[in-house]
């Protein structure tokens, strides 16, 4: 296990962006990048009123595996990834990922790769609730 991976969790409470990003700060880092994913009020021209996130029991282990991979591929100094599950309102924070690296370019690349890979490979599913009363599952197998 890499010493770079500092925090990987799935939580059912509001995410504290400052506390999560503080975990990756390091005096050796010249670059620091953060992605914060929030619940938007629309999707495909439909008004969204809220979301419910669900995670498979293996989701946190999969997130850790991805963080380890990104840390190695991008020469990351520190990395953190936290995803929210449960009911989230519009504007609610769904995910925070943060990385520190020696230089800014690598920080941007690692952060983008991390969130893109987490979204593609982690078994977390989004249930959207629309203003017209309809719902939609996103990301289910």
Foldseek 3Di string as FASTA:
>chain_A
DDPQEQAFEEEADADDQVVQQVRADDPQFPAKDKDWDFAAQDDPHFGFFWKFKDFDPCQRVVLVVLVVVLCVVLVWNHKYKYAYGGIDGGGTTGIMIMTTHNHHVSRVVSNVSSVVCSLVPGRMKMWTATPVGDIDIPPHD
